[in-house]
Structure formats: structure tokens, C-alpha cells
All heavy atoms as atom14 arrays in JSON, in Angstrom:
{
  "sequence": "SGVLMSDPVTPQPWWVAVLGAGLMTVRWLIGFGG",
  "atom14_mask": [
    [1, 1, 1, 1, 1, 1, 0, 0, 0, 0, 0, 0, 0, 0],
    [1, 1, 1, 1, 0, 0, 0, 0, 0, 0, 0, 0, 0, 0],
    [1, 1, 1, 1, 1, 1, 1, 0, 0, 0, 0, 0, 0, 0],
    [1, 1, 1, 1, 1, 1, 1, 1, 0, 0, 0, 0, 0, 0],
    [1, 1, 1, 1, 1, 1, 1, 1, 0, 0, 0, 0, 0, 0],
    [1, 1, 1, 1, 1, 1, 0, 0, 0, 0, 0, 0, 0, 0],
    [1, 1, 1, 1, 1, 1, 1, 1, 0, 0, 0, 0, 0, 0],
    [1, 1, 1, 1, 1, 1, 1, 0, 0, 0, 0, 0, 0, 0],
    [1, 1, 1, 1, 1, 1, 1, 0, 0, 0, 0, 0, 0, 0],
    [1, 1, 1, 1, 1, 1, 1, 0, 0, 0, 0, 0, 0, 0],
    [1, 1, 1, 1, 1, 1, 1, 0, 0, 0, 0, 0, 0, 0],
    [1, 1, 1, 1, 1, 1, 1, 1, 1, 0, 0, 0, 0, 0],
    [1, 1, 1, 1, 1, 1, 1, 0, 0, 0, 0, 0, 0, 0],
    [1, 1, 1, 1, 1, 1, 1, 1, 1, 1, 1, 1, 1, 1],
    [1, 1, 1, 1, 1, 1, 1, 1, 1, 1, 1, 1, 1, 1],
    [1, 1, 1, 1, 1, 1, 1, 0, 0, 0, 0, 0, 0, 0],
    [1, 1, 1, 1, 1, 0, 0, 0, 0, 0, 0, 0, 0, 0],
    [1, 1, 1, 1, 1, 1, 1, 0, 0, 0, 0, 0, 0, 0],
    [1, 1, 1, 1, 1, 1, 1, 1, 0, 0, 0, 0, 0, 0],
    [1, 1, 1, 1, 0, 0, 0, 0, 0, 0, 0, 0, 0, 0],
    [1, 1, 1, 1, 1, 0, 0, 0, 0, 0, 0, 0, 0, 0],
    [1, 1, 1, 1, 0, 0, 0, 0, 0, 0, 0, 0, 0, 0],
    [1, 1, 1, 1, 1, 1, 1, 1, 0, 0, 0, 0, 0, 0],
    [1, 1, 1, 1, 1, 1, 1, 1, 0, 0, 0, 0, 0, 0],
    [1, 1, 1, 1, 1, 1, 1, 0, 0, 0, 0, 0, 0, 0],
    [1, 1, 1, 1, 1, 1, 1, 0, 0, 0, 0, 0, 0, 0],
    [1, 1, 1, 1, 1, 1, 1, 1, 1, 1, 1, 0, 0, 0],
    [1, 1, 1, 1, 1, 1, 1, 1, 1, 1, 1, 1, 1, 1],
    [1, 1, 1, 1, 1, 1, 1, 1, 0, 0, 0, 0, 0, 0],
    [1, 1, 1, 1, 1, 1, 1, 1, 0, 0, 0, 0, 0, 0],
    [1, 1, 1, 1, 0, 0, 0, 0, 0, 0, 0, 0, 0, 0],
    [1, 1, 1, 1, 1, 1, 1, 1, 1, 1, 1, 0, 0, 0],
    [1, 1, 1, 1, 0, 0, 0, 0, 0, 0, 0, 0, 0, 0],
    [1, 1, 1, 1, 0, 0, 0, 0, 0, 0, 0, 0, 0, 0]
  ],
  "atom14_positions": [
    [[-6.5, -34.17, 8.83], [-6.7, -34.15, 10.3], [-8.15, -34.35, 10.67], [-9.04, -34.35, 9.88], [-6.19, -32.85, 10.84], [-7.05, -31.8, 10.43], [0.0, 0.0, 0.0], [0.0, 0.0, 0.0], [0.0, 0.0, 0.0], [0.0, 0.0, 0.0], [0.0, 0.0, 0.0], [0.0, 0.0, 0.0], [0.0, 0.0, 0.0], [0.0, 0.0, 0.0]],
    [[-8.37, -34.47, 11.98], [-9.71, -34.77, 12.46], [-10.58, -33.5, 12.51], [-11.78, -33.6, 12.73], [0.0, 0.0, 0.0], [0.0, 0.0, 0.0], [0.0, 0.0, 0.0], [0.0, 0.0, 0.0], [0.0, 0.0, 0.0], [0.0, 0.0, 0.0], [0.0, 0.0, 0.0], [0.0, 0.0, 0.0], [0.0, 0.0, 0.0], [0.0, 0.0, 0.0]],
    [[-10.03, -32.27, 12.38], [-10.8, -31.04, 12.47], [-11.27, -30.74, 11.1], [-10.55, -30.63, 10.14], [-9.89, -29.88, 12.99], [-10.68, -28.59, 12.99], [-9.35, -30.18, 14.36], [0.0, 0.0, 0.0], [0.0, 0.0, 0.0], [0.0, 0.0, 0.0], [0.0, 0.0, 0.0], [0.0, 0.0, 0.0], [0.0, 0.0, 0.0], [0.0, 0.0, 0.0]],
    [[-12.61, -30.61, 11.01], [-13.15, -30.23, 9.71], [-13.42, -28.72, 9.62], [-13.89, -28.08, 10.56], [-14.52, -30.94, 9.52], [-14.44, -32.46, 9.42], [-15.89, -33.02, 9.43], [-13.76, -32.85, 8.16], [0.0, 0.0, 0.0], [0.0, 0.0, 0.0], [0.0, 0.0, 0.0], [0.0, 0.0, 0.0], [0.0, 0.0, 0.0], [0.0, 0.0, 0.0]],
    [[-13.02, -28.14, 8.52], [-13.26, -26.69, 8.31], [-14.67, -26.55, 7.72], [-15.01, -27.27, 6.84], [-12.2, -26.14, 7.34], [-10.76, -26.24, 7.86], [-10.44, -25.1, 9.11], [-10.49, -23.55, 8.22], [0.0, 0.0, 0.0], [0.0, 0.0, 0.0], [0.0, 0.0, 0.0], [0.0, 0.0, 0.0], [0.0, 0.0, 0.0], [0.0, 0.0, 0.0]],
    [[-15.35, -25.56, 8.24], [-16.68, -25.29, 7.72], [-16.56, -24.51, 6.41], [-15.55, -23.82, 6.2], [-17.57, -24.57, 8.68], [-17.01, -23.34, 8.99], [0.0, 0.0, 0.0], [0.0, 0.0, 0.0], [0.0, 0.0, 0.0], [0.0, 0.0, 0.0], [0.0, 0.0, 0.0], [0.0, 0.0, 0.0], [0.0, 0.0, 0.0], [0.0, 0.0, 0.0]],
    [[-17.57, -24.58, 5.59], [-17.58, -23.82, 4.39], [-17.63, -22.32, 4.73], [-18.48, -21.89, 5.52], [-18.85, -24.27, 3.56], [-18.94, -23.54, 2.26], [-17.93, -22.98, 1.75], [-20.0, -23.6, 1.62], [0.0, 0.0, 0.0], [0.0, 0.0, 0.0], [0.0, 0.0, 0.0], [0.0, 0.0, 0.0], [0.0, 0.0, 0.0], [0.0, 0.0, 0.0]],
    [[-16.79, -21.47, 4.18], [-16.75, -20.09, 4.54], [-18.03, -19.32, 4.14], [-18.26, -18.2, 4.68], [-15.51, -19.51, 3.83], [-15.07, -20.52, 2.88], [-15.73, -21.83, 3.25], [0.0, 0.0, 0.0], [0.0, 0.0, 0.0], [0.0, 0.0, 0.0], [0.0, 0.0, 0.0], [0.0, 0.0, 0.0], [0.0, 0.0, 0.0], [0.0, 0.0, 0.0]],
    [[-18.77, -19.79, 3.22], [-19.98, -19.09, 2.77], [-21.19, -19.43, 3.69], [-22.13, -18.66, 3.78], [-20.3, -19.49, 1.31], [-21.51, -18.76, 0.82], [-19.13, -19.17, 0.44], [0.0, 0.0, 0.0], [0.0, 0.0, 0.0], [0.0, 0.0, 0.0], [0.0, 0.0, 0.0], [0.0, 0.0, 0.0], [0.0, 0.0, 0.0], [0.0, 0.0, 0.0]],
    [[-21.14, -20.57, 4.36], [-22.24, -20.98, 5.26], [-22.23, -20.06, 6.47], [-21.2, -19.88, 7.07], [-22.05, -22.46, 5.68], [-21.92, -23.23, 4.59], [-23.19, -22.89, 6.52], [0.0, 0.0, 0.0], [0.0, 0.0, 0.0], [0.0, 0.0, 0.0], [0.0, 0.0, 0.0], [0.0, 0.0, 0.0], [0.0, 0.0, 0.0], [0.0, 0.0, 0.0]],
    [[-23.34, -19.46, 6.83], [-23.41, -18.59, 8.01], [-23.03, -19.35, 9.27], [-23.48, -20.46, 9.49], [-24.87, -18.18, 8.06], [-25.42, -18.42, 6.7], [-24.65, -19.54, 6.12], [0.0, 0.0, 0.0], [0.0, 0.0, 0.0], [0.0, 0.0, 0.0], [0.0, 0.0, 0.0], [0.0, 0.0, 0.0], [0.0, 0.0, 0.0], [0.0, 0.0, 0.0]],
    [[-22.18, -18.71, 10.03], [-21.69, -19.29, 11.29], [-22.34, -18.51, 12.43], [-22.76, -17.33, 12.3], [-20.21, -19.23, 11.38], [-19.44, -19.91, 10.22], [-19.69, -21.42, 10.28], [-19.6, -22.03, 11.32], [-20.03, -21.99, 9.13], [0.0, 0.0, 0.0], [0.0, 0.0, 0.0], [0.0, 0.0, 0.0], [0.0, 0.0, 0.0], [0.0, 0.0, 0.0]],
    [[-22.46, -19.12, 13.59], [-23.11, -18.45, 14.74], [-22.38, -17.14, 15.13], [-23.03, -16.18, 15.5], [-22.96, -19.47, 15.88], [-22.86, -20.78, 15.19], [-22.17, -20.52, 13.87], [0.0, 0.0, 0.0], [0.0, 0.0, 0.0], [0.0, 0.0, 0.0], [0.0, 0.0, 0.0], [0.0, 0.0, 0.0], [0.0, 0.0, 0.0], [0.0, 0.0, 0.0]],
    [[-21.07, -17.05, 14.99], [-20.39, -15.83, 15.37], [-20.63, -14.73, 14.36], [-20.65, -13.53, 14.64], [-18.88, -16.07, 15.5], [-18.14, -16.44, 14.3], [-17.92, -17.71, 13.82], [-17.49, -15.54, 13.37], [-17.24, -17.66, 12.66], [-16.93, -16.36, 12.35], [-17.34, -14.17, 13.28], [-16.24, -15.78, 11.3], [-16.68, -13.64, 12.22], [-16.1, -14.44, 11.23]],
    [[-20.98, -15.1, 13.09], [-21.33, -14.11, 12.06], [-22.66, -13.49, 12.5], [-22.83, -12.28, 12.4], [-21.53, -14.77, 10.72], [-20.32, -15.18, 9.98], [-19.07, -15.34, 10.47], [-20.31, -15.57, 8.62], [-18.24, -15.78, 9.48], [-18.97, -15.93, 8.31], [-21.23, -15.66, 7.6], [-18.6, -16.38, 7.07], [-20.86, -16.08, 6.33], [-19.52, -16.41, 6.07]],
    [[-23.54, -14.28, 12.92], [-24.9, -13.8, 13.32], [-24.73, -12.83, 14.52], [-25.35, -11.79, 14.58], [-25.84, -14.96, 13.67], [-27.15, -14.46, 14.2], [-26.05, -15.83, 12.4], [0.0, 0.0, 0.0], [0.0, 0.0, 0.0], [0.0, 0.0, 0.0], [0.0, 0.0, 0.0], [0.0, 0.0, 0.0], [0.0, 0.0, 0.0], [0.0, 0.0, 0.0]],
    [[-23.85, -13.2, 15.43], [-23.62, -12.37, 16.61], [-23.01, -11.03, 16.25], [-23.45, -9.96, 16.73], [-22.76, -13.08, 17.65], [0.0, 0.0, 0.0], [0.0, 0.0, 0.0], [0.0, 0.0, 0.0], [0.0, 0.0, 0.0], [0.0, 0.0, 0.0], [0.0, 0.0, 0.0], [0.0, 0.0, 0.0], [0.0, 0.0, 0.0], [0.0, 0.0, 0.0]],
    [[-22.03, -11.07, 15.38], [-21.41, -9.8, 14.89], [-22.39, -8.97, 14.1], [-22.47, -7.73, 14.34], [-20.13, -10.14, 14.05], [-19.62, -8.9, 13.37], [-19.05, -10.75, 14.91], [0.0, 0.0, 0.0], [0.0, 0.0, 0.0], [0.0, 0.0, 0.0], [0.0, 0.0, 0.0], [0.0, 0.0, 0.0], [0.0, 0.0, 0.0], [0.0, 0.0, 0.0]],
    [[-23.13, -9.59, 13.26], [-24.07, -8.85, 12.41], [-25.19, -8.24, 13.34], [-25.54, -7.06, 13.21], [-24.74, -9.78, 11.38], [-25.74, -9.1, 10.46], [-25.06, -8.0, 9.66], [-26.4, -10.13, 9.59], [0.0, 0.0, 0.0], [0.0, 0.0, 0.0], [0.0, 0.0, 0.0], [0.0, 0.0, 0.0], [0.0, 0.0, 0.0], [0.0, 0.0, 0.0]],
    [[-25.65, -9.01, 14.31], [-26.68, -8.52, 15.26], [-26.13, -7.36, 16.05], [-26.83, -6.35, 16.29], [0.0, 0.0, 0.0], [0.0, 0.0, 0.0], [0.0, 0.0, 0.0], [0.0, 0.0, 0.0], [0.0, 0.0, 0.0], [0.0, 0.0, 0.0], [0.0, 0.0, 0.0], [0.0, 0.0, 0.0], [0.0, 0.0, 0.0], [0.0, 0.0, 0.0]],
    [[-24.88, -7.49, 16.51], [-24.31, -6.44, 17.34], [-24.12, -5.17, 16.48], [-24.35, -4.03, 16.92], [-22.95, -6.84, 17.92], [0.0, 0.0, 0.0], [0.0, 0.0, 0.0], [0.0, 0.0, 0.0], [0.0, 0.0, 0.0], [0.0, 0.0, 0.0], [0.0, 0.0, 0.0], [0.0, 0.0, 0.0], [0.0, 0.0, 0.0], [0.0, 0.0, 0.0]],
    [[-23.71, -5.34, 15.25], [-23.57, -4.17, 14.33], [-24.9, -3.49, 14.05], [-25.0, -2.27, 14.09], [0.0, 0.0, 0.0], [0.0, 0.0, 0.0], [0.0, 0.0, 0.0], [0.0, 0.0, 0.0], [0.0, 0.0, 0.0], [0.0, 0.0, 0.0], [0.0, 0.0, 0.0], [0.0, 0.0, 0.0], [0.0, 0.0, 0.0], [0.0, 0.0, 0.0]],
    [[-25.95, -4.3, 13.79], [-27.26, -3.73, 13.59], [-27.79, -3.03, 14.82], [-28.39, -1.95, 14.69], [-28.22, -4.82, 13.09], [-27.96, -5.36, 11.71], [-28.92, -6.53, 11.44], [-28.13, -4.26, 10.66], [0.0, 0.0, 0.0], [0.0, 0.0, 0.0], [0.0, 0.0, 0.0], [0.0, 0.0, 0.0], [0.0, 0.0, 0.0], [0.0, 0.0, 0.0]],
    [[-27.58, -3.63, 15.97], [-28.01, -2.95, 17.21], [-27.25, -1.65, 17.43], [-27.84, -0.67, 17.89], [-27.83, -3.89, 18.43], [-28.81, -5.04, 18.4], [-30.54, -4.52, 18.37], [-30.69, -3.83, 20.03], [0.0, 0.0, 0.0], [0.0, 0.0, 0.0], [0.0, 0.0, 0.0], [0.0, 0.0, 0.0], [0.0, 0.0, 0.0], [0.0, 0.0, 0.0]],
    [[-25.95, -1.61, 17.11], [-25.19, -0.39, 17.27], [-25.68, 0.69, 16.32], [-25.86, 1.85, 16.76], [-23.7, -0.69, 16.98], [-23.25, -1.66, 17.93], [-22.85, 0.58, 17.14], [0.0, 0.0, 0.0], [0.0, 0.0, 0.0], [0.0, 0.0, 0.0], [0.0, 0.0, 0.0], [0.0, 0.0, 0.0], [0.0, 0.0, 0.0], [0.0, 0.0, 0.0]],
    [[-25.99, 0.28, 15.08], [-26.51, 1.27, 14.11], [-27.86, 1.76, 14.57], [-28.14, 2.96, 14.52], [-26.59, 0.64, 12.7], [-27.37, 1.48, 11.76], [-25.2, 0.36, 12.12], [0.0, 0.0, 0.0], [0.0, 0.0, 0.0], [0.0, 0.0, 0.0], [0.0, 0.0, 0.0], [0.0, 0.0, 0.0], [0.0, 0.0, 0.0], [0.0, 0.0, 0.0]],
    [[-28.69, 0.87, 15.05], [-30.01, 1.28, 15.52], [-29.91, 2.21, 16.71], [-30.65, 3.23, 16.78], [-30.81, 0.02, 15.94], [-32.23, 0.3, 16.4], [-33.01, -0.98, 16.71], [-34.28, -0.61, 17.22], [-34.89, -1.29, 18.14], [-34.39, -2.4, 18.58], [-36.07, -0.9, 18.56], [0.0, 0.0, 0.0], [0.0, 0.0, 0.0], [0.0, 0.0, 0.0]],
    [[-28.98, 1.91, 17.63], [-28.78, 2.8, 18.8], [-28.27, 4.17, 18.33], [-28.74, 5.2, 18.88], [-27.81, 2.12, 19.75], [-27.48, 3.0, 20.96], [-28.22, 3.14, 22.06], [-26.36, 3.87, 21.08], [-27.59, 4.03, 22.91], [-26.47, 4.52, 22.34], [-25.25, 4.18, 20.27], [-25.52, 5.4, 22.8], [-24.35, 5.07, 20.76], [-24.47, 5.68, 22.01]],
    [[-27.36, 4.2, 17.39], [-26.81, 5.42, 16.94], [-27.91, 6.29, 16.24], [-27.98, 7.53, 16.41], [-25.65, 5.26, 15.98], [-24.33, 4.78, 16.62], [-23.34, 4.38, 15.55], [-23.77, 5.85, 17.52], [0.0, 0.0, 0.0], [0.0, 0.0, 0.0], [0.0, 0.0, 0.0], [0.0, 0.0, 0.0], [0.0, 0.0, 0.0], [0.0, 0.0, 0.0]],
    [[-28.75, 5.61, 15.45], [-29.86, 6.37, 14.8], [-30.8, 6.9, 15.82], [-31.22, 8.05, 15.77], [-30.58, 5.45, 13.79], [-29.65, 5.19, 12.61], [-31.91, 6.02, 13.35], [-30.17, 4.09, 11.63], [0.0, 0.0, 0.0], [0.0, 0.0, 0.0], [0.0, 0.0, 0.0], [0.0, 0.0, 0.0], [0.0, 0.0, 0.0], [0.0, 0.0, 0.0]],
    [[-31.18, 6.1, 16.84], [-31.99, 6.57, 17.9], [-31.41, 7.74, 18.7], [-32.09, 8.74, 18.99], [0.0, 0.0, 0.0], [0.0, 0.0, 0.0], [0.0, 0.0, 0.0], [0.0, 0.0, 0.0], [0.0, 0.0, 0.0], [0.0, 0.0, 0.0], [0.0, 0.0, 0.0], [0.0, 0.0, 0.0], [0.0, 0.0, 0.0], [0.0, 0.0, 0.0]],
    [[-30.13, 7.64, 19.0], [-29.42, 8.69, 19.7], [-29.43, 10.02, 18.88], [-29.72, 11.07, 19.36], [-27.96, 8.21, 20.03], [-27.19, 9.28, 20.73], [-27.38, 9.51, 22.09], [-26.21, 9.99, 20.05], [-26.67, 10.5, 22.76], [-25.49, 10.96, 20.76], [-25.72, 11.2, 22.08], [0.0, 0.0, 0.0], [0.0, 0.0, 0.0], [0.0, 0.0, 0.0]],
    [[-29.11, 9.86, 17.58], [-29.12, 11.03, 16.71], [-30.51, 11.61, 16.58], [-30.66, 12.87, 16.57], [0.0, 0.0, 0.0], [0.0, 0.0, 0.0], [0.0, 0.0, 0.0], [0.0, 0.0, 0.0], [0.0, 0.0, 0.0], [0.0, 0.0, 0.0], [0.0, 0.0, 0.0], [0.0, 0.0, 0.0], [0.0, 0.0, 0.0], [0.0, 0.0, 0.0]],
    [[-31.55, 10.79, 16.54], [-32.92, 11.23, 16.42], [-33.3, 12.02, 17.7], [-33.94, 13.09, 17.6], [0.0, 0.0, 0.0], [0.0, 0.0, 0.0], [0.0, 0.0, 0.0], [0.0, 0.0, 0.0], [0.0, 0.0, 0.0], [0.0, 0.0, 0.0], [0.0, 0.0, 0.0], [0.0, 0.0, 0.0], [0.0, 0.0, 0.0], [0.0, 0.0, 0.0]]
  ]
}
């Protein structure tokens, strides 16, 4: 077909967004606990 699947190991923009959101959540929780 005409849709190309990207390599699953290659970082995708949504991975970066999810990772960034996760790190910000962890940072916020640490700050809140502190």
C-alpha cells in the first residue's frame, strides 16, 4: 500500500510528547512532595 510504516525503534514525535509529559508529571510530584 501507499502508507509506509515507520521503524518502531526510531523515536516518533508522540513518544517525545509522552516522555516529556511523564517527566513533567514526575517532576511536579517530586516538587509537591518536597
